[in-house]
PDB file of N, CA and C in Angstrom:
ATOM      1  N   MET A   1       2.232  -3.896 -18.073  1.00  0.00           N
ATOM      2  CA  MET A   1       1.357  -4.573 -17.146  1.00  0.00           C
ATOM      3  C   MET A   1       1.388  -3.828 -15.813  1.00  0.00           C
ATOM      4  N   THR A   2       0.228  -3.687 -15.189  1.00  0.00           N
ATOM      5  CA  THR A   2       0.133  -3.084 -13.864  1.00  0.00           C
ATOM      6  C   THR A   2      -0.076  -4.176 -12.830  1.00  0.00           C
ATOM      7  N   VAL A   3       0.727  -4.132 -11.776  1.00  0.00           N
ATOM      8  CA  VAL A   3       0.647  -5.100 -10.687  1.00  0.00           C
ATOM      9  C   VAL A   3       0.031  -4.398  -9.481  1.00  0.00           C
ATOM     10  N   LEU A   4      -0.946  -5.031  -8.838  1.00  0.00           N
ATOM     11  CA  LEU A   4      -1.583  -4.477  -7.649  1.00  0.00           C
ATOM     12  C   LEU A   4      -1.105  -5.258  -6.429  1.00  0.00           C
ATOM     13  N   VAL A   5      -0.552  -4.539  -5.460  1.00  0.00           N
ATOM     14  CA  VAL A   5      -0.042  -5.146  -4.229  1.00  0.00           C
ATOM     15  C   VAL A   5      -0.930  -4.711  -3.072  1.00  0.00           C
ATOM     16  N   PHE A   6      -1.290  -5.643  -2.199  1.00  0.00           N
ATOM     17  CA  PHE A   6      -2.085  -5.343  -1.013  1.00  0.00           C
ATOM     18  C   PHE A   6      -1.166  -4.962   0.137  1.00  0.00           C
ATOM     19  N   SER A   7      -1.554  -3.936   0.875  1.00  0.00           N
ATOM     20  CA  SER A   7      -0.791  -3.487   2.037  1.00  0.00           C
ATOM     21  C   SER A   7      -1.761  -3.165   3.160  1.00  0.00           C
ATOM     22  N   ASP A   8      -1.329  -3.426   4.389  1.00  0.00           N
ATOM     23  CA  ASP A   8      -2.131  -2.982   5.525  1.00  0.00           C
ATOM     24  C   ASP A   8      -1.201  -2.368   6.557  1.00  0.00           C
ATOM     25  N   GLY A   9      -1.772  -1.571   7.391  1.00  0.00           N
ATOM     26  CA  GLY A   9      -0.972  -0.909   8.406  1.00  0.00           C
ATOM     27  C   GLY A   9      -1.798  -0.648   9.640  1.00  0.00           C
ATOM     28  N   THR A  10      -1.913  -1.641  10.479  1.00  0.00           N
ATOM     29  CA  THR A  10      -2.704  -1.462  11.685  1.00  0.00           C
ATOM     30  C   THR A  10      -1.858  -0.946  12.839  1.00  0.00           C
ATOM     31  N   GLY A  11      -0.558  -1.083  12.748  1.00  0.00           N
ATOM     32  CA  GLY A  11       0.341  -0.597  13.788  1.00  0.00           C
ATOM     33  C   GLY A  11       1.032   0.682  13.343  1.00  0.00           C
ATOM     34  N   ASP A  12       2.219   0.896  13.867  1.00  0.00           N
ATOM     35  CA  ASP A  12       2.974   2.098  13.535  1.00  0.00           C
ATOM     36  C   ASP A  12       3.744   1.971  12.231  1.00  0.00           C
ATOM     37  N   GLU A  13       3.871   0.759  11.704  1.00  0.00           N
ATOM     38  CA  GLU A  13       4.670   0.543  10.501  1.00  0.00           C
ATOM     39  C   GLU A  13       3.863  -0.210   9.450  1.00  0.00           C
ATOM     40  N   LEU A  14       4.305  -0.068   8.216  1.00  0.00           N
ATOM     41  CA  LEU A  14       3.727  -0.856   7.132  1.00  0.00           C
ATOM     42  C   LEU A  14       4.228  -2.288   7.244  1.00  0.00           C
ATOM     43  N   ALA A  15       3.455  -3.222   6.755  1.00  0.00           N
ATOM     44  CA  ALA A  15       3.860  -4.627   6.778  1.00  0.00           C
ATOM     45  C   ALA A  15       5.098  -4.822   5.905  1.00  0.00           C
ATOM     46  N   GLY A  16       6.113  -5.453   6.473  1.00  0.00           N
ATOM     47  CA  GLY A  16       7.346  -5.691   5.735  1.00  0.00           C
ATOM     48  C   GLY A  16       7.126  -6.519   4.483  1.00  0.00           C
ATOM     49  N   SER A  17       6.197  -7.461   4.553  1.00  0.00           N
ATOM     50  CA  SER A  17       5.924  -8.305   3.389  1.00  0.00           C
ATOM     51  C   SER A  17       5.364  -7.481   2.232  1.00  0.00           C
ATOM     52  N   ALA A  18       4.584  -6.449   2.535  1.00  0.00           N
ATOM     53  CA  ALA A  18       4.045  -5.587   1.480  1.00  0.00           C
ATOM     54  C   ALA A  18       5.164  -4.799   0.814  1.00  0.00           C
ATOM     55  N   LEU A  19       6.104  -4.311   1.607  1.00  0.00           N
ATOM     56  CA  LEU A  19       7.227  -3.557   1.042  1.00  0.00           C
ATOM     57  C   LEU A  19       8.103  -4.464   0.182  1.00  0.00           C
ATOM     58  N   GLU A  20       8.298  -5.697   0.614  1.00  0.00           N
ATOM     59  CA  GLU A  20       9.060  -6.663  -0.181  1.00  0.00           C
ATOM     60  C   GLU A  20       8.337  -6.964  -1.489  1.00  0.00           C
ATOM     61  N   ALA A  21       7.016  -7.134  -1.422  1.00  0.00           N
ATOM     62  CA  ALA A  21       6.233  -7.413  -2.627  1.00  0.00           C
ATOM     63  C   ALA A  21       6.293  -6.240  -3.600  1.00  0.00           C
ATOM     64  N   LEU A  22       6.239  -5.014  -3.087  1.00  0.00           N
ATOM     65  CA  LEU A  22       6.354  -3.837  -3.953  1.00  0.00           C
ATOM     66  C   LEU A  22       7.694  -3.818  -4.670  1.00  0.00           C
ATOM     67  N   THR A  23       8.746  -4.084  -3.921  1.00  0.00           N
ATOM     68  CA  THR A  23      10.088  -4.076  -4.509  1.00  0.00           C
ATOM     69  C   THR A  23      10.200  -5.120  -5.618  1.00  0.00           C
ATOM     70  N   LYS A  24       9.712  -6.323  -5.377  1.00  0.00           N
ATOM     71  CA  LYS A  24       9.763  -7.389  -6.389  1.00  0.00           C
ATOM     72  C   LYS A  24       8.882  -7.059  -7.586  1.00  0.00           C
ATOM     73  N   ALA A  25       7.694  -6.522  -7.333  1.00  0.00           N
ATOM     74  CA  ALA A  25       6.738  -6.248  -8.405  1.00  0.00           C
ATOM     75  C   ALA A  25       7.254  -5.212  -9.393  1.00  0.00           C
ATOM     76  N   ARG A  26       8.178  -4.354  -8.976  1.00  0.00           N
ATOM     77  CA  ARG A  26       8.737  -3.351  -9.899  1.00  0.00           C
ATOM     78  C   ARG A  26       9.377  -4.003 -11.116  1.00  0.00           C
ATOM     79  N   SER A  27       9.889  -5.225 -10.943  1.00  0.00           N
ATOM     80  CA  SER A  27      10.538  -5.903 -12.071  1.00  0.00           C
ATOM     81  C   SER A  27       9.517  -6.451 -13.066  1.00  0.00           C
ATOM     82  N   TRP A  28       8.234  -6.461 -12.705  1.00  0.00           N
ATOM     83  CA  TRP A  28       7.185  -6.987 -13.576  1.00  0.00           C
ATOM     84  C   TRP A  28       6.444  -5.901 -14.330  1.00  0.00           C
ATOM     85  N   GLY A  29       6.545  -4.656 -13.878  1.00  0.00           N
ATOM     86  CA  GLY A  29       5.829  -3.565 -14.539  1.00  0.00           C
ATOM     87  C   GLY A  29       5.471  -2.464 -13.562  1.00  0.00           C
ATOM     88  N   GLU A  30       4.502  -1.659 -13.954  1.00  0.00           N
ATOM     89  CA  GLU A  30       4.034  -0.570 -13.098  1.00  0.00           C
ATOM     90  C   GLU A  30       3.349  -1.159 -11.866  1.00  0.00           C
ATOM     91  N   VAL A  31       3.564  -0.531 -10.713  1.00  0.00           N
ATOM     92  CA  VAL A  31       3.056  -1.078  -9.459  1.00  0.00           C
ATOM     93  C   VAL A  31       2.119  -0.080  -8.782  1.00  0.00           C
ATOM     94  N   GLU A  32       0.940  -0.560  -8.411  1.00  0.00           N
ATOM     95  CA  GLU A  32       0.020   0.220  -7.600  1.00  0.00           C
ATOM     96  C   GLU A  32      -0.262  -0.577  -6.337  1.00  0.00           C
ATOM     97  N   VAL A  33      -0.656   0.120  -5.286  1.00  0.00           N
ATOM     98  CA  VAL A  33      -0.896  -0.540  -4.007  1.00  0.00           C
ATOM     99  C   VAL A  33      -2.307  -0.228  -3.524  1.00  0.00           C
ATOM    100  N   PHE A  34      -2.957  -1.246  -2.946  1.00  0.00           N
ATOM    101  CA  PHE A  34      -4.236  -1.069  -2.264  1.00  0.00           C
ATOM    102  C   PHE A  34      -3.941  -1.188  -0.782  1.00  0.00           C
ATOM    103  N   HIS A  35      -4.062  -0.070  -0.064  1.00  0.00           N
ATOM    104  CA  HIS A  35      -3.710  -0.032   1.354  1.00  0.00           C
ATOM    105  C   HIS A  35      -4.965   0.071   2.212  1.00  0.00           C
ATOM    106  N   VAL A  36      -5.050  -0.784   3.228  1.00  0.00           N
ATOM    107  CA  VAL A  36      -6.156  -0.765   4.181  1.00  0.00           C
ATOM    108  C   VAL A  36      -5.599  -0.344   5.536  1.00  0.00           C
ATOM    109  N   GLY A  37      -6.186   0.703   6.099  1.00  0.00           N
ATOM    110  CA  GLY A  37      -5.747   1.201   7.398  1.00  0.00           C
ATOM    111  C   GLY A  37      -5.285   2.640   7.297  1.00  0.00           C
ATOM    112  N   PRO A  38      -4.723   3.168   8.380  1.00  0.00           N
ATOM    113  CA  PRO A  38      -4.273   4.557   8.372  1.00  0.00           C
ATOM    114  C   PRO A  38      -3.168   4.776   7.342  1.00  0.00           C
ATOM    115  N   LEU A  39      -3.185   5.942   6.719  1.00  0.00           N
ATOM    116  CA  LEU A  39      -2.188   6.237   5.684  1.00  0.00           C
ATOM    117  C   LEU A  39      -1.839   7.719   5.738  1.00  0.00           C
ATOM    118  N   ASP A  40      -0.733   8.024   6.403  1.00  0.00           N
ATOM    119  CA  ASP A  40      -0.290   9.407   6.482  1.00  0.00           C
ATOM    120  C   ASP A  40       0.766   9.673   5.410  1.00  0.00           C
ATOM    121  N   ASP A  41       1.283  10.897   5.380  1.00  0.00           N
ATOM    122  CA  ASP A  41       2.263  11.277   4.357  1.00  0.00           C
ATOM    123  C   ASP A  41       3.527  10.426   4.425  1.00  0.00           C
ATOM    124  N   THR A  42       3.953  10.065   5.629  1.00  0.00           N
ATOM    125  CA  THR A  42       5.162   9.250   5.787  1.00  0.00           C
ATOM    126  C   THR A  42       4.975   7.872   5.171  1.00  0.00           C
ATOM    127  N   ARG A  43       3.832   7.262   5.416  1.00  0.00           N
ATOM    128  CA  ARG A  43       3.559   5.933   4.842  1.00  0.00           C
ATOM    129  C   ARG A  43       3.414   6.010   3.326  1.00  0.00           C
ATOM    130  N   GLN A  44       2.783   7.067   2.834  1.00  0.00           N
ATOM    131  CA  GLN A  44       2.662   7.232   1.384  1.00  0.00           C
ATOM    132  C   GLN A  44       4.043   7.337   0.748  1.00  0.00           C
ATOM    133  N   ALA A  45       4.925   8.106   1.377  1.00  0.00           N
ATOM    134  CA  ALA A  45       6.284   8.262   0.855  1.00  0.00           C
ATOM    135  C   ALA A  45       7.039   6.938   0.884  1.00  0.00           C
ATOM    136  N   GLU A  46       6.833   6.145   1.927  1.00  0.00           N
ATOM    137  CA  GLU A  46       7.494   4.844   2.024  1.00  0.00           C
ATOM    138  C   GLU A  46       7.005   3.893   0.934  1.00  0.00           C
ATOM    139  N   LEU A  47       5.705   3.889   0.678  1.00  0.00           N
ATOM    140  CA  LEU A  47       5.166   3.057  -0.399  1.00  0.00           C
ATOM    141  C   LEU A  47       5.733   3.491  -1.750  1.00  0.00           C
ATOM    142  N   ALA A  48       5.797   4.790  -1.975  1.00  0.00           N
ATOM    143  CA  ALA A  48       6.349   5.308  -3.232  1.00  0.00           C
ATOM    144  C   ALA A  48       7.830   4.961  -3.361  1.00  0.00           C
ATOM    145  N   ALA A  49       8.571   5.045  -2.270  1.00  0.00           N
ATOM    146  CA  ALA A  49       9.999   4.723  -2.302  1.00  0.00           C
ATOM    147  C   ALA A  49      10.242   3.259  -2.645  1.00  0.00           C
ATOM    148  N   HIS A  50       9.277   2.406  -2.351  1.00  0.00           N
ATOM    149  CA  HIS A  50       9.406   0.981  -2.667  1.00  0.00           C
ATOM    150  C   HIS A  50       8.803   0.628  -4.026  1.00  0.00           C
ATOM    151  N   GLY A  51       8.348   1.642  -4.772  1.00  0.00           N
ATOM    152  CA  GLY A  51       7.936   1.399  -6.148  1.00  0.00           C
ATOM    153  C   GLY A  51       6.497   1.680  -6.499  1.00  0.00           C
ATOM    154  N   ALA A  52       5.655   2.032  -5.540  1.00  0.00           N
ATOM    155  CA  ALA A  52       4.243   2.283  -5.848  1.00  0.00           C
ATOM    156  C   ALA A  52       4.095   3.563  -6.667  1.00  0.00           C
ATOM    157  N   THR A  53       3.450   3.441  -7.821  1.00  0.00           N
ATOM    158  CA  THR A  53       3.190   4.621  -8.652  1.00  0.00           C
ATOM    159  C   THR A  53       1.771   5.134  -8.455  1.00  0.00           C
ATOM    160  N   GLY A  54       0.935   4.336  -7.799  1.00  0.00           N
ATOM    161  CA  GLY A  54      -0.430   4.736  -7.470  1.00  0.00           C
ATOM    162  C   GLY A  54      -0.834   4.086  -6.161  1.00  0.00           C
ATOM    163  N   ILE A  55      -1.624   4.811  -5.363  1.00  0.00           N
ATOM    164  CA  ILE A  55      -2.060   4.287  -4.072  1.00  0.00           C
ATOM    165  C   ILE A  55      -3.579   4.380  -3.982  1.00  0.00           C
ATOM    166  N   HIS A  56      -4.215   3.243  -3.723  1.00  0.00           N
ATOM    167  CA  HIS A  56      -5.657   3.173  -3.491  1.00  0.00           C
ATOM    168  C   HIS A  56      -5.827   2.892  -2.000  1.00  0.00           C
ATOM    169  N   HIS A  57      -6.688   3.643  -1.333  1.00  0.00           N
ATOM    170  CA  HIS A  57      -6.717   3.610   0.127  1.00  0.00           C
ATOM    171  C   HIS A  57      -8.122   3.399   0.681  1.00  0.00           C
ATOM    172  N   LEU A  58      -8.236   2.520   1.665  1.00  0.00           N
ATOM    173  CA  LEU A  58      -9.468   2.327   2.426  1.00  0.00           C
ATOM    174  C   LEU A  58      -9.127   2.531   3.896  1.00  0.00           C
ATOM    175  N   ASP A  59      -9.623   3.619   4.479  1.00  0.00           N
ATOM    176  CA  ASP A  59      -9.378   3.919   5.886  1.00  0.00           C
ATOM    177  C   ASP A  59     -10.460   3.245   6.720  1.00  0.00           C
ATOM    178  N   THR A  60     -10.052   2.374   7.616  1.00  0.00           N
ATOM    179  CA  THR A  60     -11.013   1.620   8.420  1.00  0.00           C
ATOM    180  C   THR A  60     -11.136   2.154   9.842  1.00  0.00           C
ATOM    181  N   ASP A  61     -10.635   3.353  10.108  1.00  0.00           N
ATOM    182  CA  ASP A  61     -10.705   3.914  11.463  1.00  0.00           C
ATOM    183  C   ASP A  61     -12.140   4.053  11.959  1.00  0.00           C
ATOM    184  N   HIS A  62     -13.071   4.287  11.071  1.00  0.00           N
ATOM    185  CA  HIS A  62     -14.464   4.481  11.458  1.00  0.00           C
ATOM    186  C   HIS A  62     -15.339   3.304  11.030  1.00  0.00           C
ATOM    187  N   GLY A  63     -14.726   2.144  10.829  1.00  0.00           N
ATOM    188  CA  GLY A  63     -15.462   0.960  10.401  1.00  0.00           C
ATOM    189  C   GLY A  63     -15.520   0.859   8.891  1.00  0.00           C
ATOM    190  N   LEU A  64     -16.004  -0.244   8.419  1.00  0.00           N
ATOM    191  CA  LEU A  64     -16.128  -0.462   6.982  1.00  0.00           C
ATOM    192  C   LEU A  64     -17.396   0.196   6.454  1.00  0.00           C
ATOM    193  N   PRO A  65     -17.375   0.636   5.200  1.00  0.00           N
ATOM    194  CA  PRO A  65     -18.587   1.227   4.627  1.00  0.00           C
ATOM    195  C   PRO A  65     -19.702   0.187   4.516  1.00  0.00           C
ATOM    196  N   THR A  66     -20.935   0.632   4.642  1.00  0.00           N
ATOM    197  CA  THR A  66     -22.068  -0.283   4.522  1.00  0.00           C
ATOM    198  C   THR A  66     -22.515  -0.379   3.075  1.00  0.00           C
ATOM    199  N   ALA A  67     -23.187  -1.459   2.761  1.00  0.00           N
ATOM    200  CA  ALA A  67     -23.658  -1.674   1.385  1.00  0.00           C
ATOM    201  C   ALA A  67     -24.895  -0.862   1.102  1.00  0.00           C
TER     202      ALA A  67
END
């Protein structure tokens, strides 16, 4: 089973609740994360260290995409 965890990062750090959810979700199966906000190499490594095997990213620095 694949578990999808939501993460956001509007400040300098990832949300602690997202990291906790990633850690817990590892016991349920493969874990992927949907991250909204800036995502640099350091944040990607932190998500992976907490169990994310895949990262889906939406960068909102330039606004949301239009329909």
